[in-house]
């Protein structure tokens, strides 16, 4: 039982890769985003769910095009699900480091073929980011930086799920 719990925890934090054949290209349309803990009193200071989802979608679609991985006629479809949790400091409008997680799923002819998931992660803004947070200077631009950072992280997970990352293929159970 102890080994089972350890295995589940390890998969939760390290991500889980299932499937092992390579995918040459994928269809992709948009990121599905859930946005939690919106402080409605200060909502206009931060991105809306639609703005954030669009930012992630554009980033991923452009990267897929650059990598010659995007083909809207492919039998494989990439679905990306991101959960983003805003964390406010006390009852103020100051945004603390948000938490986010993601699931990257490849469907073949509409059926799940393989997936990679990440557990909740917190964005670390660094020393300057912490100072800006204390000075209440972290609004939309701060979230733009976070979106770009997570998008860069997501690129590696997409390579894992489509089988282009050799390290990920070595760890797949067959």
C-alpha atoms as a PDB file:
ATOM      1  CA  UNK A   1       0.000   0.000   0.000  1.00  0.00           C
ATOM      2  CA  UNK A   2       2.854   2.346   0.885  1.00  0.00           C
ATOM      3  CA  UNK A   3       4.453   1.737  -2.521  1.00  0.00           C
ATOM      4  CA  UNK A   4       1.150   2.472  -4.254  1.00  0.00           C
ATOM      5  CA  UNK A   5       0.800   5.807  -2.467  1.00  0.00           C
ATOM      6  CA  UNK A   6       4.406   6.724  -3.314  1.00  0.00           C
ATOM      7  CA  UNK A   7       3.847   5.826  -6.960  1.00  0.00           C
ATOM      8  CA  UNK A   8       0.710   7.969  -7.174  1.00  0.00           C
ATOM      9  CA  UNK A   9       2.451  10.931  -5.527  1.00  0.00           C
ATOM     10  CA  UNK A  10       5.457  10.568  -7.839  1.00  0.00           C
ATOM     11  CA  UNK A  11       3.247  10.521 -10.918  1.00  0.00           C
ATOM     12  CA  UNK A  12       1.317  13.540  -9.646  1.00  0.00           C
ATOM     13  CA  UNK A  13       4.439  15.675  -9.241  1.00  0.00           C
ATOM     14  CA  UNK A  14       6.574  14.364 -12.078  1.00  0.00           C
ATOM     15  CA  UNK A  15       3.854  14.057 -14.705  1.00  0.00           C
ATOM     16  CA  UNK A  16       2.585  10.911 -16.308  1.00  0.00           C
ATOM     17  CA  UNK A  17       3.331   9.893 -19.880  1.00  0.00           C
ATOM     18  CA  UNK A  18       1.223   7.211 -21.508  1.00  0.00           C
ATOM     19  CA  UNK A  19       1.611   5.928 -25.052  1.00  0.00           C
ATOM     20  CA  UNK A  20       4.914   5.646 -26.909  1.00  0.00           C
ATOM     21  CA  UNK A  21       4.551   6.030 -30.671  1.00  0.00           C
ATOM     22  CA  UNK A  22       5.702   9.271 -32.242  1.00  0.00           C
ATOM     23  CA  UNK A  23       3.255  11.727 -33.677  1.00  0.00           C
ATOM     24  CA  UNK A  24       4.460  13.702 -36.696  1.00  0.00           C
ATOM     25  CA  UNK A  25       1.946  16.552 -36.390  1.00  0.00           C
ATOM     26  CA  UNK A  26      -1.261  17.528 -34.623  1.00  0.00           C
ATOM     27  CA  UNK A  27      -4.428  19.552 -34.971  1.00  0.00           C
ATOM     28  CA  UNK A  28      -4.797  22.282 -32.394  1.00  0.00           C
ATOM     29  CA  UNK A  29      -7.433  24.953 -31.925  1.00  0.00           C
ATOM     30  CA  UNK A  30      -7.314  26.432 -28.429  1.00  0.00           C
ATOM     31  CA  UNK A  31      -6.379  26.045 -24.790  1.00  0.00           C
ATOM     32  CA  UNK A  32      -9.122  25.163 -22.331  1.00  0.00           C
ATOM     33  CA  UNK A  33      -8.468  27.285 -19.251  1.00  0.00           C
ATOM     34  CA  UNK A  34     -10.025  27.306 -15.822  1.00  0.00           C
ATOM     35  CA  UNK A  35      -9.344  30.442 -13.815  1.00  0.00           C
ATOM     36  CA  UNK A  36      -9.894  30.341 -10.051  1.00  0.00           C
ATOM     37  CA  UNK A  37      -9.897  32.844  -7.198  1.00  0.00           C
ATOM     38  CA  UNK A  38     -10.787  35.949  -9.108  1.00  0.00           C
ATOM     39  CA  UNK A  39     -11.066  38.895  -6.759  1.00  0.00           C
ATOM     40  CA  UNK A  40     -14.033  40.545  -8.465  1.00  0.00           C
ATOM     41  CA  UNK A  41     -13.322  43.826  -6.711  1.00  0.00           C
ATOM     42  CA  UNK A  42     -10.010  44.082  -8.623  1.00  0.00           C
ATOM     43  CA  UNK A  43     -10.919  42.082 -11.740  1.00  0.00           C
ATOM     44  CA  UNK A  44     -10.189  44.909 -14.190  1.00  0.00           C
ATOM     45  CA  UNK A  45      -6.568  44.964 -13.024  1.00  0.00           C
ATOM     46  CA  UNK A  46      -5.922  41.454 -14.341  1.00  0.00           C
ATOM     47  CA  UNK A  47      -6.548  39.452 -17.492  1.00  0.00           C
ATOM     48  CA  UNK A  48      -9.946  37.898 -18.070  1.00  0.00           C
ATOM     49  CA  UNK A  49     -10.181  34.134 -18.541  1.00  0.00           C
ATOM     50  CA  UNK A  50     -10.705  34.704 -22.270  1.00  0.00           C
ATOM     51  CA  UNK A  51      -7.664  36.970 -22.584  1.00  0.00           C
ATOM     52  CA  UNK A  52      -5.474  34.508 -20.735  1.00  0.00           C
ATOM     53  CA  UNK A  53      -6.748  31.479 -22.703  1.00  0.00           C
ATOM     54  CA  UNK A  54      -6.180  33.377 -25.956  1.00  0.00           C
ATOM     55  CA  UNK A  55      -2.616  34.246 -24.895  1.00  0.00           C
ATOM     56  CA  UNK A  56      -1.832  30.591 -24.175  1.00  0.00           C
ATOM     57  CA  UNK A  57      -3.541  29.464 -27.407  1.00  0.00           C
ATOM     58  CA  UNK A  58      -1.648  31.922 -29.618  1.00  0.00           C
ATOM     59  CA  UNK A  59       1.662  31.066 -27.965  1.00  0.00           C
ATOM     60  CA  UNK A  60       1.186  27.313 -28.429  1.00  0.00           C
ATOM     61  CA  UNK A  61      -0.233  27.560 -31.970  1.00  0.00           C
ATOM     62  CA  UNK A  62       2.622  29.807 -33.139  1.00  0.00           C
ATOM     63  CA  UNK A  63       5.187  27.475 -31.604  1.00  0.00           C
ATOM     64  CA  UNK A  64       3.583  24.410 -33.210  1.00  0.00           C
ATOM     65  CA  UNK A  65       3.749  26.199 -36.585  1.00  0.00           C
ATOM     66  CA  UNK A  66       7.419  27.128 -36.057  1.00  0.00           C
ATOM     67  CA  UNK A  67       8.231  23.508 -35.226  1.00  0.00           C
ATOM     68  CA  UNK A  68       6.262  22.196 -38.253  1.00  0.00           C
ATOM     69  CA  UNK A  69       4.043  20.238 -35.870  1.00  0.00           C
ATOM     70  CA  UNK A  70       0.738  21.881 -36.777  1.00  0.00           C
ATOM     71  CA  UNK A  71      -1.440  20.217 -39.428  1.00  0.00           C
ATOM     72  CA  UNK A  72      -5.196  20.794 -39.253  1.00  0.00           C
ATOM     73  CA  UNK A  73      -5.717  17.614 -41.325  1.00  0.00           C
ATOM     74  CA  UNK A  74      -3.801  15.362 -38.920  1.00  0.00           C
ATOM     75  CA  UNK A  75      -5.495  12.316 -37.425  1.00  0.00           C
ATOM     76  CA  UNK A  76      -4.019  13.424 -34.080  1.00  0.00           C
ATOM     77  CA  UNK A  77      -5.519  16.270 -32.077  1.00  0.00           C
ATOM     78  CA  UNK A  78      -3.780  18.073 -29.220  1.00  0.00           C
ATOM     79  CA  UNK A  79      -5.974  19.161 -26.318  1.00  0.00           C
ATOM     80  CA  UNK A  80      -4.463  21.434 -23.691  1.00  0.00           C
ATOM     81  CA  UNK A  81      -6.126  22.055 -20.329  1.00  0.00           C
ATOM     82  CA  UNK A  82      -4.649  24.622 -17.959  1.00  0.00           C
ATOM     83  CA  UNK A  83      -5.810  25.403 -14.458  1.00  0.00           C
ATOM     84  CA  UNK A  84      -4.671  28.810 -13.161  1.00  0.00           C
ATOM     85  CA  UNK A  85      -5.246  29.926  -9.600  1.00  0.00           C
ATOM     86  CA  UNK A  86      -4.763  33.531  -8.607  1.00  0.00           C
ATOM     87  CA  UNK A  87      -3.619  34.034  -5.063  1.00  0.00           C
ATOM     88  CA  UNK A  88      -4.157  37.432  -3.543  1.00  0.00           C
ATOM     89  CA  UNK A  89      -2.221  38.628  -0.539  1.00  0.00           C
ATOM     90  CA  UNK A  90      -4.747  39.058   2.246  1.00  0.00           C
ATOM     91  CA  UNK A  91      -7.767  41.106   1.214  1.00  0.00           C
ATOM     92  CA  UNK A  92      -5.683  43.389  -1.007  1.00  0.00           C
ATOM     93  CA  UNK A  93      -5.504  43.498  -4.780  1.00  0.00           C
ATOM     94  CA  UNK A  94      -1.855  42.419  -4.665  1.00  0.00           C
ATOM     95  CA  UNK A  95      -1.347  39.239  -6.616  1.00  0.00           C
ATOM     96  CA  UNK A  96       0.896  36.691  -4.962  1.00  0.00           C
ATOM     97  CA  UNK A  97       2.617  33.947  -6.940  1.00  0.00           C
ATOM     98  CA  UNK A  98      -0.163  32.078  -8.768  1.00  0.00           C
ATOM     99  CA  UNK A  99      -0.449  28.303  -9.008  1.00  0.00           C
ATOM    100  CA  UNK A 100      -1.015  26.481 -12.274  1.00  0.00           C
ATOM    101  CA  UNK A 101      -1.184  22.970 -13.642  1.00  0.00           C
ATOM    102  CA  UNK A 102      -1.753  21.453 -17.046  1.00  0.00           C
ATOM    103  CA  UNK A 103      -2.887  18.385 -18.941  1.00  0.00           C
ATOM    104  CA  UNK A 104      -1.751  17.704 -22.487  1.00  0.00           C
ATOM    105  CA  UNK A 105      -3.730  15.034 -24.302  1.00  0.00           C
ATOM    106  CA  UNK A 106      -3.288  13.613 -27.801  1.00  0.00           C
ATOM    107  CA  UNK A 107      -6.396  12.115 -29.350  1.00  0.00           C
ATOM    108  CA  UNK A 108      -6.248   9.779 -32.338  1.00  0.00           C
ATOM    109  CA  UNK A 109      -9.445   9.786 -34.347  1.00  0.00           C
ATOM    110  CA  UNK A 110     -11.233  11.322 -31.346  1.00  0.00           C
ATOM    111  CA  UNK A 111     -10.013   8.775 -28.764  1.00  0.00           C
ATOM    112  CA  UNK A 112      -7.351   9.483 -26.118  1.00  0.00           C
ATOM    113  CA  UNK A 113      -4.015   8.111 -27.317  1.00  0.00           C
ATOM    114  CA  UNK A 114      -1.673   9.473 -24.638  1.00  0.00           C
ATOM    115  CA  UNK A 115      -1.364  12.234 -22.057  1.00  0.00           C
ATOM    116  CA  UNK A 116       1.034  14.168 -19.866  1.00  0.00           C
ATOM    117  CA  UNK A 117      -0.103  16.002 -16.742  1.00  0.00           C
ATOM    118  CA  UNK A 118       1.666  18.339 -14.381  1.00  0.00           C
ATOM    119  CA  UNK A 119       0.852  18.842 -10.751  1.00  0.00           C
ATOM    120  CA  UNK A 120       0.229  22.260  -9.250  1.00  0.00           C
ATOM    121  CA  UNK A 121       3.234  24.556  -9.572  1.00  0.00           C
ATOM    122  CA  UNK A 122       3.754  28.040  -8.187  1.00  0.00           C
ATOM    123  CA  UNK A 123       5.299  30.803 -10.247  1.00  0.00           C
ATOM    124  CA  UNK A 124       8.378  32.329  -8.618  1.00  0.00           C
ATOM    125  CA  UNK A 125       8.666  35.991  -9.675  1.00  0.00           C
ATOM    126  CA  UNK A 126      12.120  36.387  -8.133  1.00  0.00           C
ATOM    127  CA  UNK A 127      13.357  39.204  -5.959  1.00  0.00           C
ATOM    128  CA  UNK A 128      12.274  42.068  -8.251  1.00  0.00           C
ATOM    129  CA  UNK A 129       8.850  40.458  -8.723  1.00  0.00           C
ATOM    130  CA  UNK A 130       8.444  40.188  -4.959  1.00  0.00           C
ATOM    131  CA  UNK A 131       9.306  43.878  -4.591  1.00  0.00           C
ATOM    132  CA  UNK A 132       6.771  44.817  -7.261  1.00  0.00           C
ATOM    133  CA  UNK A 133       4.171  42.703  -5.493  1.00  0.00           C
ATOM    134  CA  UNK A 134       4.841  44.473  -2.218  1.00  0.00           C
ATOM    135  CA  UNK A 135       4.512  47.815  -4.021  1.00  0.00           C
ATOM    136  CA  UNK A 136       1.275  46.584  -5.640  1.00  0.00           C
ATOM    137  CA  UNK A 137       2.706  46.969  -9.167  1.00  0.00           C
ATOM    138  CA  UNK A 138       1.884  43.533 -10.527  1.00  0.00           C
ATOM    139  CA  UNK A 139      -1.163  43.706 -12.764  1.00  0.00           C
ATOM    140  CA  UNK A 140      -1.659  42.621 -16.353  1.00  0.00           C
ATOM    141  CA  UNK A 141       2.029  42.845 -17.267  1.00  0.00           C
ATOM    142  CA  UNK A 142       2.838  40.471 -14.416  1.00  0.00           C
ATOM    143  CA  UNK A 143       0.318  37.959 -15.733  1.00  0.00           C
ATOM    144  CA  UNK A 144       1.723  38.366 -19.270  1.00  0.00           C
ATOM    145  CA  UNK A 145       5.111  37.269 -17.907  1.00  0.00           C
ATOM    146  CA  UNK A 146       3.518  34.326 -16.100  1.00  0.00           C
ATOM    147  CA  UNK A 147       1.618  33.289 -19.239  1.00  0.00           C
ATOM    148  CA  UNK A 148       4.833  33.376 -21.304  1.00  0.00           C
ATOM    149  CA  UNK A 149       6.704  31.409 -18.643  1.00  0.00           C
ATOM    150  CA  UNK A 150       4.090  28.658 -18.436  1.00  0.00           C
ATOM    151  CA  UNK A 151       3.802  28.551 -22.228  1.00  0.00           C
ATOM    152  CA  UNK A 152       7.546  27.866 -22.452  1.00  0.00           C
ATOM    153  CA  UNK A 153       7.132  25.087 -19.898  1.00  0.00           C
ATOM    154  CA  UNK A 154       4.137  23.700 -21.834  1.00  0.00           C
ATOM    155  CA  UNK A 155       6.241  23.367 -25.003  1.00  0.00           C
ATOM    156  CA  UNK A 156       8.376  20.705 -23.336  1.00  0.00           C
ATOM    157  CA  UNK A 157       5.293  18.839 -22.147  1.00  0.00           C
ATOM    158  CA  UNK A 158       3.845  18.945 -25.663  1.00  0.00           C
ATOM    159  CA  UNK A 159       7.075  17.416 -26.997  1.00  0.00           C
ATOM    160  CA  UNK A 160       6.709  14.726 -24.322  1.00  0.00           C
ATOM    161  CA  UNK A 161       3.121  13.883 -25.210  1.00  0.00           C
ATOM    162  CA  UNK A 162       3.669  13.706 -28.960  1.00  0.00           C
ATOM    163  CA  UNK A 163       6.795  11.591 -28.543  1.00  0.00           C
ATOM    164  CA  UNK A 164       9.399  14.065 -29.845  1.00  0.00           C
ATOM    165  CA  UNK A 165      11.288  14.229 -26.541  1.00  0.00           C
ATOM    166  CA  UNK A 166      13.662  11.255 -26.414  1.00  0.00           C
ATOM    167  CA  UNK A 167      14.006  11.466 -22.615  1.00  0.00           C
ATOM    168  CA  UNK A 168      10.256  11.116 -22.164  1.00  0.00           C
ATOM    169  CA  UNK A 169      10.108   8.124 -24.505  1.00  0.00           C
ATOM    170  CA  UNK A 170      12.704   6.316 -22.426  1.00  0.00           C
ATOM    171  CA  UNK A 171      10.496   6.529 -19.331  1.00  0.00           C
ATOM    172  CA  UNK A 172       7.272   5.278 -20.951  1.00  0.00           C
ATOM    173  CA  UNK A 173       5.979   1.953 -19.684  1.00  0.00           C
ATOM    174  CA  UNK A 174       5.142  -0.404 -22.538  1.00  0.00           C
END
